[in-house]
Amino acid sequence: MSHQVFLNAGQQQIAIAVPAGGWNINWLKIQQGNGARISQSSAVQEEESISVHPNPATSHLVVNGITSPTEVTTYNTSGKAVTETMKVTSTQHEINIKTLKPGLYIIKLKNGKTLRFAKE
């Protein structure tokens, strides 16, 4: 089986979610597509030191280090958005996670950067 995925320029995190047992992943091939390149804006964003705290968190999560306006969305490990997309314009942004179930989550910025956190 083959599946083609298009990613934004820059660093990426790839995860494989397996909801049930019985899988035997023999190999995974990742290759650069034709004409793939890193754009200047992505390269600048990657140099930012963006972080989340506290981690793990219980009710609120703070995203630090965003230096240019961007959009932020929180996803569960199945790839489903669990928060509305938010426009972030400050270097420190608070996300309310009170309604999330305990577990692992991923915050994705519009530039493709991802951050992981745990909800207790």
N, C-alpha and C. Protein backbone atom coordinates (compact mmCIF):
# COMPACT_ATOMS: atom_id res chain seq x y z
N MET A 1 0.84 -1.17 0.00
CA MET A 1 0.00 0.00 0.00
C MET A 1 0.89 1.23 0.00
N SER A 2 0.52 2.23 -0.75
CA SER A 2 1.29 3.46 -0.84
C SER A 2 0.36 4.64 -0.59
N HIS A 3 0.89 5.66 0.08
CA HIS A 3 0.10 6.86 0.35
C HIS A 3 1.01 8.07 0.24
N GLN A 4 0.59 9.05 -0.53
CA GLN A 4 1.39 10.26 -0.71
C GLN A 4 0.86 11.35 0.21
N VAL A 5 1.78 12.02 0.93
CA VAL A 5 1.42 13.08 1.87
C VAL A 5 2.23 14.31 1.51
N PHE A 6 1.57 15.47 1.48
CA PHE A 6 2.26 16.73 1.21
C PHE A 6 2.41 17.49 2.52
N LEU A 7 3.64 17.88 2.85
CA LEU A 7 3.94 18.56 4.10
C LEU A 7 4.42 19.97 3.82
N ASN A 8 4.18 20.87 4.77
CA ASN A 8 4.73 22.22 4.68
C ASN A 8 6.24 22.14 4.81
N ALA A 9 6.92 23.14 4.26
CA ALA A 9 8.37 23.19 4.39
C ALA A 9 8.75 23.29 5.86
N GLY A 10 9.88 22.71 6.21
CA GLY A 10 10.37 22.79 7.57
C GLY A 10 10.33 21.46 8.28
N GLN A 11 10.64 21.48 9.55
CA GLN A 11 10.70 20.28 10.37
C GLN A 11 9.30 19.70 10.56
N GLN A 12 9.18 18.39 10.48
CA GLN A 12 7.90 17.71 10.63
C GLN A 12 8.02 16.59 11.65
N GLN A 13 6.94 16.27 12.30
CA GLN A 13 6.87 15.11 13.17
C GLN A 13 5.84 14.18 12.56
N ILE A 14 6.21 12.92 12.39
CA ILE A 14 5.31 11.95 11.78
C ILE A 14 5.00 10.88 12.82
N ALA A 15 3.72 10.57 12.96
CA ALA A 15 3.29 9.54 13.91
C ALA A 15 2.37 8.57 13.20
N ILE A 16 2.41 7.33 13.63
CA ILE A 16 1.51 6.32 13.10
C ILE A 16 0.62 5.87 14.25
N ALA A 17 -0.69 6.09 14.12
CA ALA A 17 -1.63 5.68 15.16
C ALA A 17 -2.22 4.33 14.78
N VAL A 18 -2.18 3.39 15.69
CA VAL A 18 -2.70 2.04 15.45
C VAL A 18 -3.77 1.77 16.51
N PRO A 19 -5.07 1.90 16.16
CA PRO A 19 -6.12 1.73 17.15
C PRO A 19 -6.34 0.29 17.62
N ALA A 20 -5.85 -0.69 16.88
CA ALA A 20 -6.00 -2.10 17.27
C ALA A 20 -4.72 -2.84 16.92
N GLY A 21 -4.49 -3.96 17.58
CA GLY A 21 -3.27 -4.74 17.35
C GLY A 21 -3.29 -5.48 16.02
N GLY A 22 -2.25 -6.25 15.79
CA GLY A 22 -2.18 -7.06 14.59
C GLY A 22 -1.44 -6.44 13.43
N TRP A 23 -0.80 -5.30 13.65
CA TRP A 23 -0.09 -4.62 12.58
C TRP A 23 1.38 -5.02 12.61
N ASN A 24 1.95 -5.16 11.45
CA ASN A 24 3.38 -5.43 11.32
C ASN A 24 3.92 -4.47 10.26
N ILE A 25 4.44 -3.34 10.71
CA ILE A 25 4.99 -2.36 9.78
C ILE A 25 6.41 -2.79 9.47
N ASN A 26 6.61 -3.20 8.25
CA ASN A 26 7.88 -3.75 7.82
C ASN A 26 8.87 -2.65 7.45
N TRP A 27 8.39 -1.57 6.84
CA TRP A 27 9.27 -0.47 6.47
C TRP A 27 8.44 0.78 6.19
N LEU A 28 9.12 1.91 6.22
CA LEU A 28 8.52 3.20 5.93
C LEU A 28 9.52 3.99 5.12
N LYS A 29 9.13 4.41 3.94
CA LYS A 29 10.04 5.14 3.06
C LYS A 29 9.58 6.59 2.97
N ILE A 30 10.49 7.51 3.26
CA ILE A 30 10.21 8.93 3.17
C ILE A 30 11.22 9.52 2.21
N GLN A 31 10.73 10.19 1.18
CA GLN A 31 11.65 10.75 0.20
C GLN A 31 11.24 12.17 -0.16
N GLN A 32 12.21 12.91 -0.61
CA GLN A 32 11.99 14.30 -1.00
C GLN A 32 11.31 14.31 -2.36
N GLY A 33 10.25 15.11 -2.48
CA GLY A 33 9.53 15.23 -3.74
C GLY A 33 10.27 16.13 -4.71
N ASN A 34 9.84 16.11 -5.95
CA ASN A 34 10.45 16.97 -6.97
C ASN A 34 10.24 18.43 -6.63
N GLY A 35 11.28 19.20 -6.68
CA GLY A 35 11.19 20.63 -6.44
C GLY A 35 10.99 21.01 -4.99
N ALA A 36 11.15 20.08 -4.06
CA ALA A 36 10.97 20.40 -2.64
C ALA A 36 12.06 21.36 -2.19
N ARG A 37 11.67 22.34 -1.42
CA ARG A 37 12.62 23.31 -0.91
C ARG A 37 12.07 23.94 0.36
N ILE A 38 12.93 24.53 1.14
CA ILE A 38 12.52 25.24 2.35
C ILE A 38 12.39 26.71 2.01
N SER A 39 11.21 27.28 2.30
CA SER A 39 11.01 28.70 2.04
C SER A 39 11.70 29.52 3.12
N GLN A 40 12.02 30.75 2.81
CA GLN A 40 12.68 31.63 3.77
C GLN A 40 11.83 31.84 5.01
N SER A 41 10.51 32.04 4.84
CA SER A 41 9.67 32.30 6.00
C SER A 41 9.63 31.10 6.93
N SER A 42 9.61 29.89 6.37
CA SER A 42 9.62 28.70 7.22
C SER A 42 10.93 28.57 7.96
N ALA A 43 12.03 28.87 7.29
CA ALA A 43 13.34 28.76 7.93
C ALA A 43 13.43 29.72 9.11
N VAL A 44 12.88 30.92 8.96
CA VAL A 44 12.92 31.90 10.05
C VAL A 44 12.07 31.41 11.21
N GLN A 45 10.86 30.89 10.93
CA GLN A 45 9.99 30.40 11.99
C GLN A 45 10.63 29.24 12.75
N GLU A 46 11.37 28.36 12.05
CA GLU A 46 11.98 27.23 12.71
C GLU A 46 13.02 27.64 13.74
N GLU A 47 13.62 28.81 13.54
CA GLU A 47 14.64 29.27 14.46
C GLU A 47 14.04 29.76 15.77
N GLU A 48 12.74 30.03 15.79
CA GLU A 48 12.10 30.47 17.01
C GLU A 48 12.13 29.34 18.04
N SER A 49 12.21 29.71 19.28
CA SER A 49 12.18 28.73 20.35
C SER A 49 10.78 28.75 20.96
N ILE A 50 9.89 27.93 20.42
CA ILE A 50 8.51 27.89 20.87
C ILE A 50 8.35 26.71 21.82
N SER A 51 7.68 26.95 22.95
CA SER A 51 7.51 25.89 23.95
C SER A 51 6.14 25.99 24.60
N VAL A 52 5.75 24.91 25.30
CA VAL A 52 4.51 24.91 26.07
C VAL A 52 4.82 24.53 27.51
N HIS A 53 4.07 25.10 28.44
CA HIS A 53 4.20 24.73 29.85
C HIS A 53 2.91 25.03 30.57
N PRO A 54 2.56 24.45 31.68
CA PRO A 54 3.24 23.29 32.24
C PRO A 54 2.95 22.06 31.39
N ASN A 55 3.79 21.10 31.50
CA ASN A 55 3.61 19.87 30.74
C ASN A 55 4.04 18.69 31.61
N PRO A 56 3.13 17.92 32.14
CA PRO A 56 1.70 17.86 31.84
C PRO A 56 0.93 19.02 32.47
N ALA A 57 -0.27 19.26 31.93
CA ALA A 57 -1.11 20.37 32.38
C ALA A 57 -2.46 19.83 32.82
N THR A 58 -3.19 20.64 33.62
CA THR A 58 -4.51 20.21 34.08
C THR A 58 -5.65 21.08 33.54
N SER A 59 -5.46 22.40 33.52
CA SER A 59 -6.56 23.27 33.09
C SER A 59 -6.17 24.29 32.03
N HIS A 60 -4.94 24.77 32.09
CA HIS A 60 -4.48 25.77 31.13
C HIS A 60 -3.07 25.42 30.67
N LEU A 61 -2.78 25.81 29.46
CA LEU A 61 -1.47 25.56 28.86
C LEU A 61 -0.99 26.89 28.29
N VAL A 62 0.27 27.21 28.47
CA VAL A 62 0.82 28.46 27.95
C VAL A 62 1.80 28.14 26.83
N VAL A 63 1.58 28.78 25.67
CA VAL A 63 2.50 28.65 24.54
C VAL A 63 3.37 29.89 24.54
N ASN A 64 4.69 29.71 24.60
CA ASN A 64 5.66 30.81 24.65
C ASN A 64 6.50 30.85 23.39
N GLY A 65 6.92 32.04 23.00
CA GLY A 65 7.94 32.19 21.99
C GLY A 65 7.47 32.45 20.57
N ILE A 66 6.19 32.63 20.35
CA ILE A 66 5.71 32.94 18.99
C ILE A 66 6.01 34.41 18.73
N THR A 67 6.83 34.67 17.71
CA THR A 67 7.26 36.05 17.46
C THR A 67 6.52 36.72 16.31
N SER A 68 5.72 35.97 15.56
CA SER A 68 4.92 36.58 14.50
C SER A 68 3.53 35.97 14.54
N PRO A 69 2.49 36.74 14.16
CA PRO A 69 1.12 36.23 14.24
C PRO A 69 0.97 34.89 13.49
N THR A 70 0.23 33.99 14.09
CA THR A 70 0.00 32.68 13.48
C THR A 70 -1.31 32.12 13.98
N GLU A 71 -1.73 30.99 13.41
CA GLU A 71 -2.92 30.29 13.87
C GLU A 71 -2.49 29.02 14.59
N VAL A 72 -3.21 28.67 15.66
CA VAL A 72 -2.87 27.52 16.49
C VAL A 72 -4.11 26.65 16.66
N THR A 73 -3.94 25.34 16.46
CA THR A 73 -5.03 24.38 16.66
C THR A 73 -4.50 23.22 17.48
N THR A 74 -5.33 22.68 18.38
CA THR A 74 -4.96 21.53 19.20
C THR A 74 -5.66 20.29 18.65
N TYR A 75 -4.90 19.19 18.52
CA TYR A 75 -5.41 17.92 17.99
C TYR A 75 -5.18 16.80 18.99
N ASN A 76 -6.04 15.77 18.93
CA ASN A 76 -5.76 14.57 19.71
C ASN A 76 -4.82 13.69 18.89
N THR A 77 -4.40 12.56 19.42
CA THR A 77 -3.43 11.72 18.72
C THR A 77 -4.02 11.01 17.51
N SER A 78 -5.34 11.08 17.34
CA SER A 78 -5.97 10.52 16.14
C SER A 78 -6.04 11.54 15.02
N GLY A 79 -5.60 12.78 15.29
CA GLY A 79 -5.59 13.82 14.27
C GLY A 79 -6.86 14.65 14.22
N LYS A 80 -7.75 14.48 15.18
CA LYS A 80 -8.99 15.25 15.23
C LYS A 80 -8.77 16.55 16.00
N ALA A 81 -9.21 17.66 15.42
CA ALA A 81 -9.09 18.95 16.11
C ALA A 81 -9.99 18.94 17.34
N VAL A 82 -9.43 19.31 18.48
CA VAL A 82 -10.19 19.31 19.74
C VAL A 82 -10.39 20.72 20.28
N THR A 83 -9.81 21.72 19.62
CA THR A 83 -10.07 23.12 19.96
C THR A 83 -10.29 23.87 18.65
N GLU A 84 -10.95 25.01 18.76
CA GLU A 84 -11.10 25.88 17.61
C GLU A 84 -9.73 26.46 17.24
N THR A 85 -9.51 26.76 15.98
CA THR A 85 -8.28 27.41 15.56
C THR A 85 -8.27 28.83 16.14
N MET A 86 -7.15 29.19 16.79
CA MET A 86 -7.02 30.49 17.42
C MET A 86 -5.96 31.31 16.72
N LYS A 87 -6.21 32.60 16.57
CA LYS A 87 -5.21 33.52 16.04
C LYS A 87 -4.36 33.99 17.21
N VAL A 88 -3.05 33.75 17.14
CA VAL A 88 -2.13 34.13 18.21
C VAL A 88 -1.26 35.28 17.72
N THR A 89 -1.26 36.37 18.47
CA THR A 89 -0.48 37.53 18.07
C THR A 89 0.53 37.96 19.13
N SER A 90 0.52 37.27 20.28
CA SER A 90 1.45 37.65 21.34
C SER A 90 2.49 36.56 21.57
N THR A 91 3.58 36.89 22.25
CA THR A 91 4.65 35.92 22.48
C THR A 91 4.28 34.90 23.56
N GLN A 92 3.22 35.18 24.33
CA GLN A 92 2.76 34.24 25.35
C GLN A 92 1.25 34.12 25.22
N HIS A 93 0.77 32.90 24.93
CA HIS A 93 -0.66 32.68 24.70
C HIS A 93 -1.16 31.55 25.57
N GLU A 94 -2.28 31.75 26.25
CA GLU A 94 -2.85 30.73 27.13
C GLU A 94 -4.00 30.00 26.43
N ILE A 95 -3.99 28.66 26.55
CA ILE A 95 -5.04 27.83 25.98
C ILE A 95 -5.77 27.12 27.11
N ASN A 96 -7.09 27.23 27.13
CA ASN A 96 -7.91 26.56 28.13
C ASN A 96 -8.10 25.11 27.69
N ILE A 97 -7.64 24.16 28.52
CA ILE A 97 -7.77 22.74 28.19
C ILE A 97 -8.61 21.99 29.23
N LYS A 98 -9.41 22.71 30.02
CA LYS A 98 -10.22 22.10 31.08
C LYS A 98 -11.14 21.01 30.54
N THR A 99 -11.70 21.21 29.35
CA THR A 99 -12.69 20.26 28.82
C THR A 99 -12.07 19.05 28.13
N LEU A 100 -10.75 19.05 27.94
CA LEU A 100 -10.10 17.91 27.29
C LEU A 100 -9.99 16.73 28.25
N LYS A 101 -10.12 15.53 27.70
CA LYS A 101 -9.94 14.32 28.50
C LYS A 101 -8.44 14.12 28.74
N PRO A 102 -8.07 13.46 29.84
CA PRO A 102 -6.65 13.17 30.06
C PRO A 102 -6.07 12.38 28.89
N GLY A 103 -4.86 12.73 28.51
CA GLY A 103 -4.21 12.05 27.39
C GLY A 103 -3.15 12.92 26.75
N LEU A 104 -2.68 12.48 25.59
CA LEU A 104 -1.66 13.21 24.84
C LEU A 104 -2.31 14.02 23.73
N TYR A 105 -1.76 15.21 23.49
CA TYR A 105 -2.30 16.12 22.48
C TYR A 105 -1.16 16.78 21.71
N ILE A 106 -1.52 17.33 20.55
CA ILE A 106 -0.55 17.99 19.68
C ILE A 106 -1.09 19.38 19.35
N ILE A 107 -0.26 20.38 19.52
CA ILE A 107 -0.59 21.74 19.10
C ILE A 107 0.12 21.97 17.78
N LYS A 108 -0.63 22.39 16.77
CA LYS A 108 -0.02 22.65 15.47
C LYS A 108 -0.16 24.12 15.13
N LEU A 109 0.97 24.73 14.77
CA LEU A 109 0.98 26.11 14.32
C LEU A 109 0.80 26.12 12.81
N LYS A 110 0.29 27.23 12.29
CA LYS A 110 0.03 27.33 10.85
C LYS A 110 1.29 27.08 10.02
N ASN A 111 2.47 27.40 10.56
CA ASN A 111 3.72 27.21 9.81
C ASN A 111 4.16 25.75 9.79
N GLY A 112 3.40 24.86 10.42
CA GLY A 112 3.73 23.44 10.40
C GLY A 112 4.43 22.94 11.65
N LYS A 113 4.89 23.84 12.50
CA LYS A 113 5.55 23.41 13.74
C LYS A 113 4.53 22.76 14.65
N THR A 114 4.95 21.69 15.33
CA THR A 114 4.07 21.00 16.26
C THR A 114 4.71 20.92 17.64
N LEU A 115 3.87 20.94 18.66
CA LEU A 115 4.29 20.83 20.05
C LEU A 115 3.40 19.78 20.71
N ARG A 116 3.97 18.95 21.55
CA ARG A 116 3.20 17.92 22.25
C ARG A 116 3.04 18.29 23.71
N PHE A 117 1.87 17.87 24.27
CA PHE A 117 1.68 18.04 25.70
C PHE A 117 0.75 16.95 26.21
N ALA A 118 0.78 16.75 27.51
CA ALA A 118 -0.08 15.77 28.17
C ALA A 118 -1.09 16.51 29.04
N LYS A 119 -2.34 16.05 29.02
CA LYS A 119 -3.40 16.59 29.88
C LYS A 119 -3.63 15.57 30.98
N GLU A 120 -3.53 16.01 32.23
CA GLU A 120 -3.76 15.11 33.38
C GLU A 120 -5.23 15.07 33.72
